[in-house]
C-alpha cells in the first residue's frame, strides 16, 4: 500500500471517541480502542486485511470469509478434531484482540440421510442455519429457506395491499413489488433454485 493510504488508515483507527445523545443531553466522550466504525465504507476491507493471516489448521479444511463472517468447512475424514480446529480459530482471535460471538457460532452437519452421529464440538449443533440470508439444512434441501421466503413475501404483500388501499398508483406499487418481493425471491436463487420441486 502507498504510505499515504497506510497513514490515512492509521489516522482513521486512532484517537477515536464516541458519545451518546438522548433528548439533547450528550454524554462525555469515551475513547474507542477496538473494532472498526460500524457501517464505515472501509470497515469490510480492513476486516479482510485483518483476517488475511487466518488459515485453516488442516489443508483439507476450507475457510470462507465474507465481510465479518467466517465459516469453516470440514470434511468427514480429517486429521484433527473439530474442537482442535475451533481452538485454532479462537487462539487466532485472542491474539488479534477479537471476540468470537459464541451465540452466533453454530455447527451444521451436511449428510443424506440423517445418520446417528455423536456431537463432539464445543459449538451448538443445529439442523438448520442461516448463512448470508440463505437458510441451509443439514439434509441438503431448501424447504426451510423457501418457507422463510414465502413468509417474508406474504408480510410484504400485505404492506403493498395497504399502500394500494391508500391510493398509491400502480406504477409505484410495481416498483415497490420488485424492490421488496421479486428481489427477495431472486436473492441467491442460483444457489438454491435448482433444489425446488413442484410443491
N, C-alpha and C. Protein backbone atom coordinates (compact mmCIF):
# COMPACT_ATOMS: atom_id res chain seq x y z
N UNK A 1 0.85 -1.19 0.00
CA UNK A 1 0.00 0.00 0.00
C UNK A 1 0.88 1.24 0.00
N UNK A 2 0.48 2.28 -0.68
CA UNK A 2 1.24 3.53 -0.63
C UNK A 2 1.23 4.09 0.79
N UNK A 3 2.32 4.73 1.22
CA UNK A 3 2.40 5.26 2.59
C UNK A 3 1.27 6.20 2.95
N UNK A 4 0.81 7.03 2.00
CA UNK A 4 -0.27 7.97 2.35
C UNK A 4 -1.57 7.25 2.69
N UNK A 5 -1.86 6.12 1.99
CA UNK A 5 -3.07 5.34 2.30
C UNK A 5 -2.90 4.66 3.66
N UNK A 6 -1.73 4.11 3.89
CA UNK A 6 -1.43 3.46 5.17
C UNK A 6 -1.60 4.45 6.33
N UNK A 7 -1.06 5.66 6.17
CA UNK A 7 -1.17 6.68 7.21
C UNK A 7 -2.60 7.16 7.40
N UNK A 8 -3.36 7.21 6.30
CA UNK A 8 -4.76 7.61 6.40
C UNK A 8 -5.54 6.58 7.22
N UNK A 9 -5.27 5.29 6.99
CA UNK A 9 -5.96 4.23 7.75
C UNK A 9 -5.59 4.30 9.22
N UNK A 10 -4.29 4.51 9.51
CA UNK A 10 -3.86 4.65 10.91
C UNK A 10 -4.60 5.81 11.56
N UNK A 11 -4.68 6.94 10.85
CA UNK A 11 -5.38 8.11 11.39
C UNK A 11 -6.85 7.79 11.65
N UNK A 12 -7.47 7.04 10.73
CA UNK A 12 -8.88 6.67 10.86
C UNK A 12 -9.11 5.79 12.09
N UNK A 13 -8.14 4.96 12.44
CA UNK A 13 -8.32 3.99 13.52
C UNK A 13 -7.82 4.48 14.88
N UNK A 14 -7.17 5.63 14.95
CA UNK A 14 -6.60 6.09 16.22
C UNK A 14 -7.32 7.33 16.73
N UNK A 15 -7.23 7.50 18.03
CA UNK A 15 -7.81 8.65 18.73
C UNK A 15 -9.29 8.84 18.40
N UNK A 16 -10.03 7.74 18.35
CA UNK A 16 -11.46 7.81 18.09
C UNK A 16 -12.21 7.86 19.41
N UNK A 17 -13.31 8.58 19.43
CA UNK A 17 -14.15 8.66 20.63
C UNK A 17 -15.60 8.47 20.23
N UNK A 18 -16.40 8.13 21.22
CA UNK A 18 -17.84 8.01 20.98
C UNK A 18 -18.58 8.64 22.14
N UNK A 19 -19.78 9.14 21.86
CA UNK A 19 -20.65 9.66 22.90
C UNK A 19 -22.08 9.34 22.51
N UNK A 20 -22.97 9.55 23.42
CA UNK A 20 -24.38 9.22 23.19
C UNK A 20 -25.22 10.45 23.51
N UNK A 21 -26.23 10.70 22.68
CA UNK A 21 -27.12 11.84 22.90
C UNK A 21 -28.55 11.34 23.07
N UNK A 22 -29.18 11.74 24.17
CA UNK A 22 -30.58 11.40 24.44
C UNK A 22 -31.28 12.68 24.89
N UNK A 23 -32.29 13.08 24.15
CA UNK A 23 -33.08 14.28 24.47
C UNK A 23 -32.19 15.48 24.78
N UNK A 24 -31.30 15.81 23.87
CA UNK A 24 -30.40 16.97 23.95
C UNK A 24 -29.37 16.89 25.07
N UNK A 25 -29.24 15.74 25.71
CA UNK A 25 -28.20 15.55 26.73
C UNK A 25 -27.14 14.65 26.11
N UNK A 26 -25.90 15.13 26.07
CA UNK A 26 -24.80 14.40 25.44
C UNK A 26 -23.85 13.89 26.52
N UNK A 27 -23.56 12.59 26.45
CA UNK A 27 -22.63 12.00 27.43
C UNK A 27 -21.21 12.47 27.14
N UNK A 28 -20.33 12.24 28.08
CA UNK A 28 -18.92 12.58 27.84
C UNK A 28 -18.34 11.61 26.82
N UNK A 29 -17.35 12.08 26.10
CA UNK A 29 -16.73 11.26 25.06
C UNK A 29 -15.82 10.21 25.69
N UNK A 30 -15.94 8.98 25.20
CA UNK A 30 -15.12 7.86 25.69
C UNK A 30 -14.33 7.32 24.51
N UNK A 31 -13.06 7.03 24.75
CA UNK A 31 -12.20 6.53 23.70
C UNK A 31 -12.59 5.14 23.23
N UNK A 32 -12.39 4.87 21.93
CA UNK A 32 -12.63 3.55 21.33
C UNK A 32 -11.27 3.00 20.94
N UNK A 33 -10.91 1.85 21.49
CA UNK A 33 -9.60 1.29 21.16
C UNK A 33 -9.68 -0.05 20.45
N UNK A 34 -10.89 -0.49 20.10
CA UNK A 34 -11.08 -1.75 19.38
C UNK A 34 -12.07 -1.56 18.26
N UNK A 35 -12.01 -2.43 17.28
CA UNK A 35 -13.01 -2.54 16.22
C UNK A 35 -12.89 -1.42 15.19
N UNK A 36 -13.76 -1.50 14.20
CA UNK A 36 -13.84 -0.54 13.12
C UNK A 36 -15.21 0.11 13.21
N UNK A 37 -15.30 1.35 12.79
CA UNK A 37 -16.57 2.06 12.87
C UNK A 37 -17.63 1.27 12.11
N UNK A 38 -18.73 0.96 12.80
CA UNK A 38 -19.82 0.19 12.20
C UNK A 38 -20.40 0.97 11.04
N UNK A 39 -20.53 0.30 9.89
CA UNK A 39 -21.13 0.93 8.73
C UNK A 39 -20.19 1.80 7.93
N UNK A 40 -18.93 1.85 8.30
CA UNK A 40 -17.98 2.68 7.54
C UNK A 40 -17.68 2.01 6.20
N UNK A 41 -17.36 2.80 5.20
CA UNK A 41 -17.08 2.27 3.87
C UNK A 41 -15.84 1.40 3.82
N UNK A 42 -14.90 1.64 4.72
CA UNK A 42 -13.64 0.91 4.69
C UNK A 42 -13.62 -0.28 5.66
N UNK A 43 -14.66 -0.39 6.48
CA UNK A 43 -14.69 -1.41 7.52
C UNK A 43 -14.51 -2.82 7.01
N UNK A 44 -15.24 -3.19 5.94
CA UNK A 44 -15.16 -4.55 5.42
C UNK A 44 -13.77 -4.85 4.88
N UNK A 45 -13.17 -3.89 4.17
CA UNK A 45 -11.82 -4.10 3.63
C UNK A 45 -10.81 -4.27 4.75
N UNK A 46 -10.93 -3.46 5.80
CA UNK A 46 -10.00 -3.58 6.92
C UNK A 46 -10.14 -4.93 7.61
N UNK A 47 -11.39 -5.43 7.71
CA UNK A 47 -11.58 -6.74 8.33
C UNK A 47 -10.94 -7.83 7.48
N UNK A 48 -11.10 -7.74 6.15
CA UNK A 48 -10.49 -8.73 5.26
C UNK A 48 -8.97 -8.71 5.41
N UNK A 49 -8.40 -7.52 5.49
CA UNK A 49 -6.94 -7.41 5.68
C UNK A 49 -6.55 -8.00 7.03
N UNK A 50 -7.32 -7.65 8.06
CA UNK A 50 -7.04 -8.14 9.41
C UNK A 50 -7.06 -9.66 9.47
N UNK A 51 -8.00 -10.26 8.74
CA UNK A 51 -8.20 -11.69 8.82
C UNK A 51 -7.38 -12.46 7.77
N UNK A 52 -6.56 -11.77 7.02
CA UNK A 52 -5.84 -12.43 5.92
C UNK A 52 -4.84 -13.48 6.41
N UNK A 53 -4.40 -13.38 7.67
CA UNK A 53 -3.45 -14.39 8.17
C UNK A 53 -4.14 -15.54 8.91
N UNK A 54 -5.47 -15.56 8.89
CA UNK A 54 -6.20 -16.69 9.49
C UNK A 54 -6.34 -17.78 8.44
N UNK A 55 -5.71 -18.91 8.69
CA UNK A 55 -5.72 -20.03 7.75
C UNK A 55 -6.25 -21.27 8.46
N UNK A 56 -6.82 -22.22 7.72
CA UNK A 56 -7.30 -23.44 8.37
C UNK A 56 -6.15 -24.25 8.95
N UNK A 57 -6.43 -24.99 9.99
CA UNK A 57 -5.42 -25.82 10.65
C UNK A 57 -4.98 -26.98 9.76
N UNK A 58 -5.89 -27.48 8.96
CA UNK A 58 -5.60 -28.61 8.09
C UNK A 58 -5.81 -28.22 6.64
N UNK A 59 -5.02 -28.78 5.72
CA UNK A 59 -5.15 -28.46 4.30
C UNK A 59 -6.48 -28.96 3.74
N UNK A 60 -7.11 -29.92 4.40
CA UNK A 60 -8.40 -30.46 3.93
C UNK A 60 -9.56 -29.51 4.23
N UNK A 61 -9.36 -28.59 5.16
CA UNK A 61 -10.42 -27.67 5.56
C UNK A 61 -10.44 -26.45 4.67
N UNK A 62 -11.59 -25.80 4.60
CA UNK A 62 -11.74 -24.56 3.86
C UNK A 62 -12.28 -23.49 4.79
N UNK A 63 -11.65 -22.32 4.77
CA UNK A 63 -12.16 -21.16 5.49
C UNK A 63 -12.78 -20.23 4.47
N UNK A 64 -14.04 -19.87 4.67
CA UNK A 64 -14.72 -18.95 3.78
C UNK A 64 -15.02 -17.68 4.57
N UNK A 65 -14.53 -16.55 4.06
CA UNK A 65 -14.67 -15.29 4.77
C UNK A 65 -15.46 -14.32 3.90
N UNK A 66 -16.43 -13.66 4.50
CA UNK A 66 -17.19 -12.64 3.81
C UNK A 66 -17.53 -11.55 4.81
N UNK A 67 -17.09 -10.33 4.53
CA UNK A 67 -17.27 -9.21 5.46
C UNK A 67 -16.76 -9.64 6.83
N UNK A 68 -17.62 -9.68 7.85
CA UNK A 68 -17.14 -10.09 9.17
C UNK A 68 -17.61 -11.49 9.54
N UNK A 69 -18.01 -12.27 8.55
CA UNK A 69 -18.39 -13.67 8.79
C UNK A 69 -17.27 -14.59 8.36
N UNK A 70 -17.01 -15.59 9.18
CA UNK A 70 -16.02 -16.62 8.84
C UNK A 70 -16.68 -17.97 9.00
N UNK A 71 -16.57 -18.80 7.97
CA UNK A 71 -17.17 -20.13 8.00
C UNK A 71 -16.09 -21.16 7.74
N UNK A 72 -16.10 -22.22 8.54
CA UNK A 72 -15.14 -23.30 8.42
C UNK A 72 -15.85 -24.52 7.85
N UNK A 73 -15.35 -25.03 6.74
CA UNK A 73 -15.90 -26.22 6.10
C UNK A 73 -14.93 -27.37 6.35
N UNK A 74 -15.42 -28.41 7.04
CA UNK A 74 -14.57 -29.53 7.44
C UNK A 74 -15.12 -30.82 6.84
N UNK A 75 -14.30 -31.57 6.09
CA UNK A 75 -14.78 -32.85 5.56
C UNK A 75 -14.89 -33.89 6.66
N UNK A 76 -15.59 -34.97 6.36
CA UNK A 76 -15.79 -36.02 7.36
C UNK A 76 -14.47 -36.66 7.80
N UNK A 77 -13.60 -36.95 6.84
CA UNK A 77 -12.32 -37.57 7.16
C UNK A 77 -11.24 -36.50 7.24
N UNK A 78 -10.75 -36.25 8.43
CA UNK A 78 -9.76 -35.21 8.64
C UNK A 78 -8.82 -35.63 9.75
N UNK A 79 -7.65 -35.00 9.81
CA UNK A 79 -6.60 -35.43 10.74
C UNK A 79 -6.79 -34.93 12.16
N UNK A 80 -7.48 -33.81 12.34
CA UNK A 80 -7.67 -33.31 13.71
C UNK A 80 -9.15 -33.07 13.96
N UNK A 81 -9.51 -33.00 15.23
CA UNK A 81 -10.92 -32.88 15.62
C UNK A 81 -11.44 -31.48 15.35
N UNK A 82 -12.75 -31.37 15.32
CA UNK A 82 -13.37 -30.06 15.15
C UNK A 82 -13.02 -29.15 16.32
N UNK A 83 -12.91 -29.72 17.50
CA UNK A 83 -12.54 -28.92 18.68
C UNK A 83 -11.15 -28.31 18.50
N UNK A 84 -10.22 -29.09 17.97
CA UNK A 84 -8.87 -28.57 17.73
C UNK A 84 -8.90 -27.45 16.69
N UNK A 85 -9.71 -27.62 15.66
CA UNK A 85 -9.80 -26.60 14.63
C UNK A 85 -10.42 -25.32 15.18
N UNK A 86 -11.46 -25.48 16.00
CA UNK A 86 -12.10 -24.31 16.58
C UNK A 86 -11.17 -23.62 17.57
N UNK A 87 -10.41 -24.40 18.34
CA UNK A 87 -9.43 -23.82 19.25
C UNK A 87 -8.39 -23.00 18.48
N UNK A 88 -8.00 -23.48 17.31
CA UNK A 88 -7.05 -22.76 16.46
C UNK A 88 -7.61 -21.38 16.08
N UNK A 89 -8.90 -21.32 15.73
CA UNK A 89 -9.54 -20.05 15.37
C UNK A 89 -9.67 -19.17 16.60
N UNK A 90 -10.03 -19.75 17.75
CA UNK A 90 -10.13 -18.96 18.98
C UNK A 90 -8.78 -18.38 19.38
N UNK A 91 -7.70 -19.15 19.22
CA UNK A 91 -6.35 -18.65 19.54
C UNK A 91 -5.99 -17.47 18.63
N UNK A 92 -6.33 -17.60 17.34
CA UNK A 92 -6.07 -16.50 16.41
C UNK A 92 -6.84 -15.26 16.84
N UNK A 93 -8.12 -15.43 17.18
CA UNK A 93 -8.96 -14.30 17.59
C UNK A 93 -8.40 -13.63 18.84
N UNK A 94 -7.97 -14.43 19.80
CA UNK A 94 -7.42 -13.87 21.04
C UNK A 94 -6.14 -13.10 20.76
N UNK A 95 -5.26 -13.65 19.92
CA UNK A 95 -4.00 -12.99 19.58
C UNK A 95 -4.25 -11.67 18.85
N UNK A 96 -5.36 -11.58 18.14
CA UNK A 96 -5.68 -10.37 17.37
C UNK A 96 -6.71 -9.49 18.07
N UNK A 97 -6.95 -9.76 19.36
CA UNK A 97 -7.87 -8.97 20.19
C UNK A 97 -9.27 -8.91 19.57
N UNK A 98 -9.73 -10.05 19.08
CA UNK A 98 -11.07 -10.14 18.52
C UNK A 98 -11.89 -11.10 19.38
N UNK A 99 -13.18 -10.91 19.38
CA UNK A 99 -14.07 -11.74 20.20
C UNK A 99 -14.98 -12.54 19.26
N UNK A 100 -15.03 -13.84 19.49
CA UNK A 100 -15.94 -14.70 18.72
C UNK A 100 -17.29 -14.69 19.43
N UNK A 101 -18.34 -14.38 18.68
CA UNK A 101 -19.68 -14.37 19.24
C UNK A 101 -20.18 -15.82 19.28
N UNK A 102 -20.07 -16.45 20.44
CA UNK A 102 -20.43 -17.86 20.57
C UNK A 102 -21.93 -18.09 20.36
N UNK A 103 -22.76 -17.09 20.65
CA UNK A 103 -24.20 -17.29 20.45
C UNK A 103 -24.55 -17.35 18.96
N UNK A 104 -23.68 -16.81 18.10
CA UNK A 104 -23.91 -16.88 16.65
C UNK A 104 -23.12 -18.01 16.00
N UNK A 105 -22.26 -18.66 16.75
CA UNK A 105 -21.45 -19.75 16.20
C UNK A 105 -22.24 -21.04 16.25
N UNK A 106 -22.39 -21.67 15.11
CA UNK A 106 -23.19 -22.90 15.01
C UNK A 106 -22.44 -23.94 14.21
N UNK A 107 -22.74 -25.20 14.48
CA UNK A 107 -22.21 -26.31 13.71
C UNK A 107 -23.37 -26.94 12.95
N UNK A 108 -23.21 -27.05 11.64
CA UNK A 108 -24.22 -27.68 10.80
C UNK A 108 -23.54 -28.82 10.06
N UNK A 109 -24.07 -30.01 10.25
CA UNK A 109 -23.50 -31.20 9.61
C UNK A 109 -24.35 -31.53 8.40
N UNK A 110 -23.71 -31.61 7.23
CA UNK A 110 -24.41 -31.95 5.99
C UNK A 110 -24.27 -33.43 5.73
N UNK A 111 -25.37 -34.11 5.57
CA UNK A 111 -25.35 -35.53 5.21
C UNK A 111 -26.72 -35.92 4.70
N UNK A 112 -26.78 -37.06 4.05
CA UNK A 112 -28.03 -37.54 3.48
C UNK A 112 -28.03 -39.05 3.55
N UNK A 113 -28.99 -39.73 4.09
CA UNK A 113 -30.00 -39.18 5.02
C UNK A 113 -29.39 -38.99 6.40
N UNK A 114 -30.20 -38.63 7.40
CA UNK A 114 -29.68 -38.38 8.74
C UNK A 114 -29.21 -39.67 9.40
N UNK A 115 -27.91 -39.84 9.60
CA UNK A 115 -27.46 -40.99 10.39
C UNK A 115 -27.37 -40.59 11.86
N UNK A 116 -27.18 -41.57 12.73
CA UNK A 116 -26.92 -41.22 14.12
C UNK A 116 -25.47 -40.74 14.18
N UNK A 117 -25.22 -39.66 14.87
CA UNK A 117 -23.90 -39.06 14.89
C UNK A 117 -23.64 -38.49 16.27
N UNK A 118 -22.47 -38.75 16.81
CA UNK A 118 -22.14 -38.20 18.12
C UNK A 118 -21.66 -36.76 17.94
N UNK A 119 -21.99 -35.91 18.90
CA UNK A 119 -21.64 -34.50 18.83
C UNK A 119 -20.44 -34.25 19.72
N UNK A 120 -19.30 -33.87 19.11
CA UNK A 120 -18.06 -33.69 19.86
C UNK A 120 -17.57 -32.24 19.81
N UNK A 121 -18.36 -31.33 19.31
CA UNK A 121 -17.92 -29.96 19.09
C UNK A 121 -18.26 -29.06 20.28
N UNK A 122 -17.43 -28.00 20.52
CA UNK A 122 -17.77 -27.04 21.57
C UNK A 122 -18.86 -26.07 21.12
N UNK A 123 -19.29 -26.16 19.87
CA UNK A 123 -20.27 -25.25 19.29
C UNK A 123 -21.62 -25.95 19.26
N UNK A 124 -22.68 -25.17 19.42
CA UNK A 124 -24.03 -25.73 19.35
C UNK A 124 -24.28 -26.33 17.97
N UNK A 125 -24.75 -27.56 17.93
CA UNK A 125 -25.06 -28.21 16.66
C UNK A 125 -26.53 -27.97 16.33
N UNK A 126 -26.80 -27.55 15.10
CA UNK A 126 -28.15 -27.25 14.66
C UNK A 126 -28.47 -28.03 13.39
N UNK A 127 -29.75 -28.16 13.09
CA UNK A 127 -30.15 -28.84 11.85
C UNK A 127 -30.35 -27.87 10.70
N UNK A 128 -30.58 -26.59 11.03
CA UNK A 128 -30.65 -25.55 10.01
C UNK A 128 -29.87 -24.33 10.51
N UNK A 129 -29.31 -23.57 9.56
CA UNK A 129 -28.58 -22.35 9.91
C UNK A 129 -28.70 -21.37 8.75
N UNK A 130 -28.65 -20.09 9.08
CA UNK A 130 -28.72 -19.06 8.04
C UNK A 130 -27.32 -18.58 7.74
N UNK A 131 -26.98 -18.56 6.46
CA UNK A 131 -25.67 -18.08 6.01
C UNK A 131 -25.90 -17.06 4.91
N UNK A 132 -25.56 -15.80 5.20
CA UNK A 132 -25.72 -14.70 4.25
C UNK A 132 -27.13 -14.64 3.68
N UNK A 133 -28.12 -14.86 4.55
CA UNK A 133 -29.52 -14.74 4.15
C UNK A 133 -30.14 -15.99 3.55
N UNK A 134 -29.36 -17.06 3.42
CA UNK A 134 -29.89 -18.32 2.87
C UNK A 134 -29.96 -19.33 4.01
N UNK A 135 -31.13 -19.96 4.17
CA UNK A 135 -31.31 -20.95 5.22
C UNK A 135 -30.82 -22.30 4.69
N UNK A 136 -29.78 -22.83 5.32
CA UNK A 136 -29.21 -24.12 4.93
C UNK A 136 -29.70 -25.20 5.87
N UNK A 137 -29.91 -26.39 5.33
CA UNK A 137 -30.39 -27.51 6.12
C UNK A 137 -29.40 -28.65 6.01
N UNK A 138 -29.21 -29.37 7.11
CA UNK A 138 -28.26 -30.48 7.13
C UNK A 138 -28.63 -31.61 6.20
N UNK A 139 -29.91 -31.74 5.84
CA UNK A 139 -30.30 -32.82 4.93
C UNK A 139 -30.28 -32.38 3.47
N UNK A 140 -29.64 -31.25 3.21
CA UNK A 140 -29.39 -30.75 1.86
C UNK A 140 -30.66 -30.45 1.05
N UNK A 141 -31.72 -29.99 1.73
CA UNK A 141 -32.86 -29.47 0.98
C UNK A 141 -33.09 -28.02 1.42
N UNK A 142 -33.89 -27.31 0.68
CA UNK A 142 -34.10 -25.89 0.95
C UNK A 142 -35.54 -25.59 1.33
N UNK A 143 -36.23 -26.58 1.92
CA UNK A 143 -37.62 -26.39 2.32
C UNK A 143 -37.76 -25.23 3.32
N UNK A 144 -36.85 -25.18 4.30
CA UNK A 144 -36.90 -24.12 5.32
C UNK A 144 -36.66 -22.76 4.67
N UNK A 145 -35.73 -22.70 3.73
CA UNK A 145 -35.43 -21.44 3.06
C UNK A 145 -36.64 -20.95 2.28
N UNK A 146 -37.28 -21.85 1.52
CA UNK A 146 -38.46 -21.48 0.74
C UNK A 146 -39.59 -21.04 1.67
N UNK A 147 -39.80 -21.75 2.77
CA UNK A 147 -40.83 -21.35 3.74
C UNK A 147 -40.55 -19.97 4.30
N UNK A 148 -39.28 -19.70 4.58
CA UNK A 148 -38.87 -18.40 5.10
C UNK A 148 -39.16 -17.30 4.08
N UNK A 149 -38.82 -17.55 2.82
CA UNK A 149 -39.07 -16.57 1.77
C UNK A 149 -40.57 -16.31 1.61
N UNK A 150 -41.37 -17.40 1.60
CA UNK A 150 -42.82 -17.24 1.44
C UNK A 150 -43.42 -16.44 2.60
N UNK A 151 -42.92 -16.66 3.80
CA UNK A 151 -43.41 -15.92 4.96
C UNK A 151 -43.07 -14.43 4.84
N UNK A 152 -41.82 -14.13 4.46
CA UNK A 152 -41.41 -12.73 4.28
C UNK A 152 -42.22 -12.07 3.18
N UNK A 153 -42.39 -12.76 2.05
CA UNK A 153 -43.14 -12.19 0.92
C UNK A 153 -44.61 -11.97 1.26
N UNK A 154 -45.18 -12.85 2.07
CA UNK A 154 -46.57 -12.69 2.49
C UNK A 154 -46.74 -11.41 3.30
N UNK A 155 -45.79 -11.16 4.22
CA UNK A 155 -45.84 -9.92 5.02
C UNK A 155 -45.70 -8.70 4.12
N UNK A 156 -44.80 -8.79 3.14
CA UNK A 156 -44.57 -7.65 2.25
C UNK A 156 -45.74 -7.41 1.31
N UNK A 157 -46.43 -8.48 0.90
CA UNK A 157 -47.63 -8.33 0.07
C UNK A 157 -48.73 -7.60 0.85
N UNK A 158 -48.82 -7.88 2.14
CA UNK A 158 -49.79 -7.19 2.98
C UNK A 158 -49.51 -5.69 2.99
N UNK A 159 -48.22 -5.34 3.08
CA UNK A 159 -47.85 -3.92 3.04
C UNK A 159 -48.26 -3.29 1.71
N UNK A 160 -48.05 -4.00 0.62
CA UNK A 160 -48.42 -3.48 -0.70
C UNK A 160 -49.94 -3.30 -0.80
N UNK A 161 -50.70 -4.24 -0.23
CA UNK A 161 -52.16 -4.10 -0.22
C UNK A 161 -52.59 -2.85 0.56
N UNK A 162 -51.89 -2.60 1.68
CA UNK A 162 -52.20 -1.39 2.46
C UNK A 162 -51.90 -0.13 1.64
N UNK A 163 -50.78 -0.13 0.94
CA UNK A 163 -50.41 1.03 0.12
C UNK A 163 -51.42 1.23 -1.01
N UNK A 164 -51.89 0.13 -1.60
CA UNK A 164 -52.91 0.24 -2.67
C UNK A 164 -54.21 0.82 -2.10
N UNK A 165 -54.59 0.35 -0.92
CA UNK A 165 -55.83 0.86 -0.31
C UNK A 165 -55.74 2.34 0.04
N UNK A 166 -54.51 2.85 0.19
CA UNK A 166 -54.31 4.27 0.48
C UNK A 166 -54.22 5.10 -0.80
N UNK A 167 -54.36 4.42 -1.98
CA UNK A 167 -54.40 5.14 -3.24
C UNK A 167 -53.08 5.28 -3.97
N UNK A 168 -52.08 4.50 -3.62
CA UNK A 168 -50.81 4.59 -4.33
C UNK A 168 -50.99 4.11 -5.77
N UNK A 169 -50.43 4.83 -6.75
CA UNK A 169 -50.57 4.45 -8.16
C UNK A 169 -49.92 3.09 -8.46
N UNK A 170 -50.48 2.39 -9.48
CA UNK A 170 -49.99 1.06 -9.86
C UNK A 170 -48.50 1.08 -10.21
N UNK A 171 -48.04 2.13 -10.89
CA UNK A 171 -46.62 2.18 -11.31
C UNK A 171 -45.70 2.20 -10.09
N UNK A 172 -46.08 2.92 -9.07
CA UNK A 172 -45.27 2.97 -7.84
C UNK A 172 -45.38 1.64 -7.06
N UNK A 173 -46.57 1.04 -7.05
CA UNK A 173 -46.75 -0.26 -6.40
C UNK A 173 -45.86 -1.32 -7.08
N UNK A 174 -45.74 -1.23 -8.40
CA UNK A 174 -44.90 -2.19 -9.13
C UNK A 174 -43.43 -2.03 -8.71
N UNK A 175 -42.97 -0.80 -8.58
CA UNK A 175 -41.59 -0.56 -8.15
C UNK A 175 -41.36 -1.16 -6.76
N UNK A 176 -42.31 -0.94 -5.86
CA UNK A 176 -42.20 -1.48 -4.50
C UNK A 176 -42.25 -3.00 -4.53
N UNK A 177 -43.13 -3.57 -5.38
CA UNK A 177 -43.22 -5.02 -5.51
C UNK A 177 -41.89 -5.62 -5.95
N UNK A 178 -41.27 -5.03 -6.95
CA UNK A 178 -39.97 -5.53 -7.44
C UNK A 178 -38.91 -5.39 -6.35
N UNK A 179 -38.90 -4.24 -5.66
CA UNK A 179 -37.88 -4.00 -4.64
C UNK A 179 -38.03 -4.91 -3.42
N UNK A 180 -39.27 -5.15 -2.98
CA UNK A 180 -39.49 -5.89 -1.74
C UNK A 180 -39.72 -7.38 -1.93
N UNK A 181 -40.30 -7.78 -3.04
CA UNK A 181 -40.69 -9.19 -3.21
C UNK A 181 -39.84 -9.89 -4.26
N UNK A 182 -39.80 -9.35 -5.46
CA UNK A 182 -39.02 -10.02 -6.52
C UNK A 182 -37.55 -10.11 -6.11
N UNK A 183 -37.00 -9.04 -5.53
CA UNK A 183 -35.59 -9.07 -5.12
C UNK A 183 -35.35 -10.14 -4.06
N UNK A 184 -36.32 -10.34 -3.16
CA UNK A 184 -36.16 -11.35 -2.10
C UNK A 184 -36.20 -12.75 -2.68
N UNK A 185 -37.08 -12.98 -3.64
CA UNK A 185 -37.17 -14.30 -4.28
C UNK A 185 -35.91 -14.59 -5.09
N UNK A 186 -35.38 -13.59 -5.77
CA UNK A 186 -34.22 -13.79 -6.65
C UNK A 186 -32.89 -13.85 -5.89
N UNK A 187 -32.87 -13.40 -4.62
CA UNK A 187 -31.61 -13.36 -3.88
C UNK A 187 -31.02 -14.78 -3.75
N UNK A 188 -29.81 -14.96 -4.25
CA UNK A 188 -29.08 -16.24 -4.19
C UNK A 188 -29.83 -17.39 -4.86
N UNK A 189 -30.72 -17.07 -5.79
CA UNK A 189 -31.52 -18.09 -6.46
C UNK A 189 -30.66 -19.14 -7.16
N UNK A 190 -29.52 -18.72 -7.69
CA UNK A 190 -28.64 -19.68 -8.37
C UNK A 190 -28.11 -20.74 -7.41
N UNK A 191 -28.05 -20.43 -6.11
CA UNK A 191 -27.56 -21.40 -5.12
C UNK A 191 -28.62 -22.41 -4.72
N UNK A 192 -29.88 -21.97 -4.61
CA UNK A 192 -30.91 -22.87 -4.08
C UNK A 192 -32.03 -23.18 -5.06
N UNK A 193 -32.14 -22.46 -6.16
CA UNK A 193 -33.27 -22.63 -7.07
C UNK A 193 -33.37 -24.01 -7.69
N UNK A 194 -32.24 -24.67 -7.96
CA UNK A 194 -32.28 -25.99 -8.60
C UNK A 194 -32.80 -27.07 -7.66
N UNK A 195 -32.91 -26.75 -6.37
CA UNK A 195 -33.39 -27.74 -5.40
C UNK A 195 -34.90 -27.66 -5.22
N UNK A 196 -35.56 -26.73 -5.90
CA UNK A 196 -37.01 -26.60 -5.76
C UNK A 196 -37.71 -27.77 -6.43
N UNK A 197 -38.86 -28.13 -5.88
CA UNK A 197 -39.70 -29.13 -6.52
C UNK A 197 -41.04 -28.49 -6.86
N UNK A 198 -41.92 -29.22 -7.49
CA UNK A 198 -43.18 -28.63 -7.93
C UNK A 198 -44.03 -28.14 -6.77
N UNK A 199 -43.92 -28.79 -5.62
CA UNK A 199 -44.69 -28.36 -4.45
C UNK A 199 -44.28 -26.97 -4.04
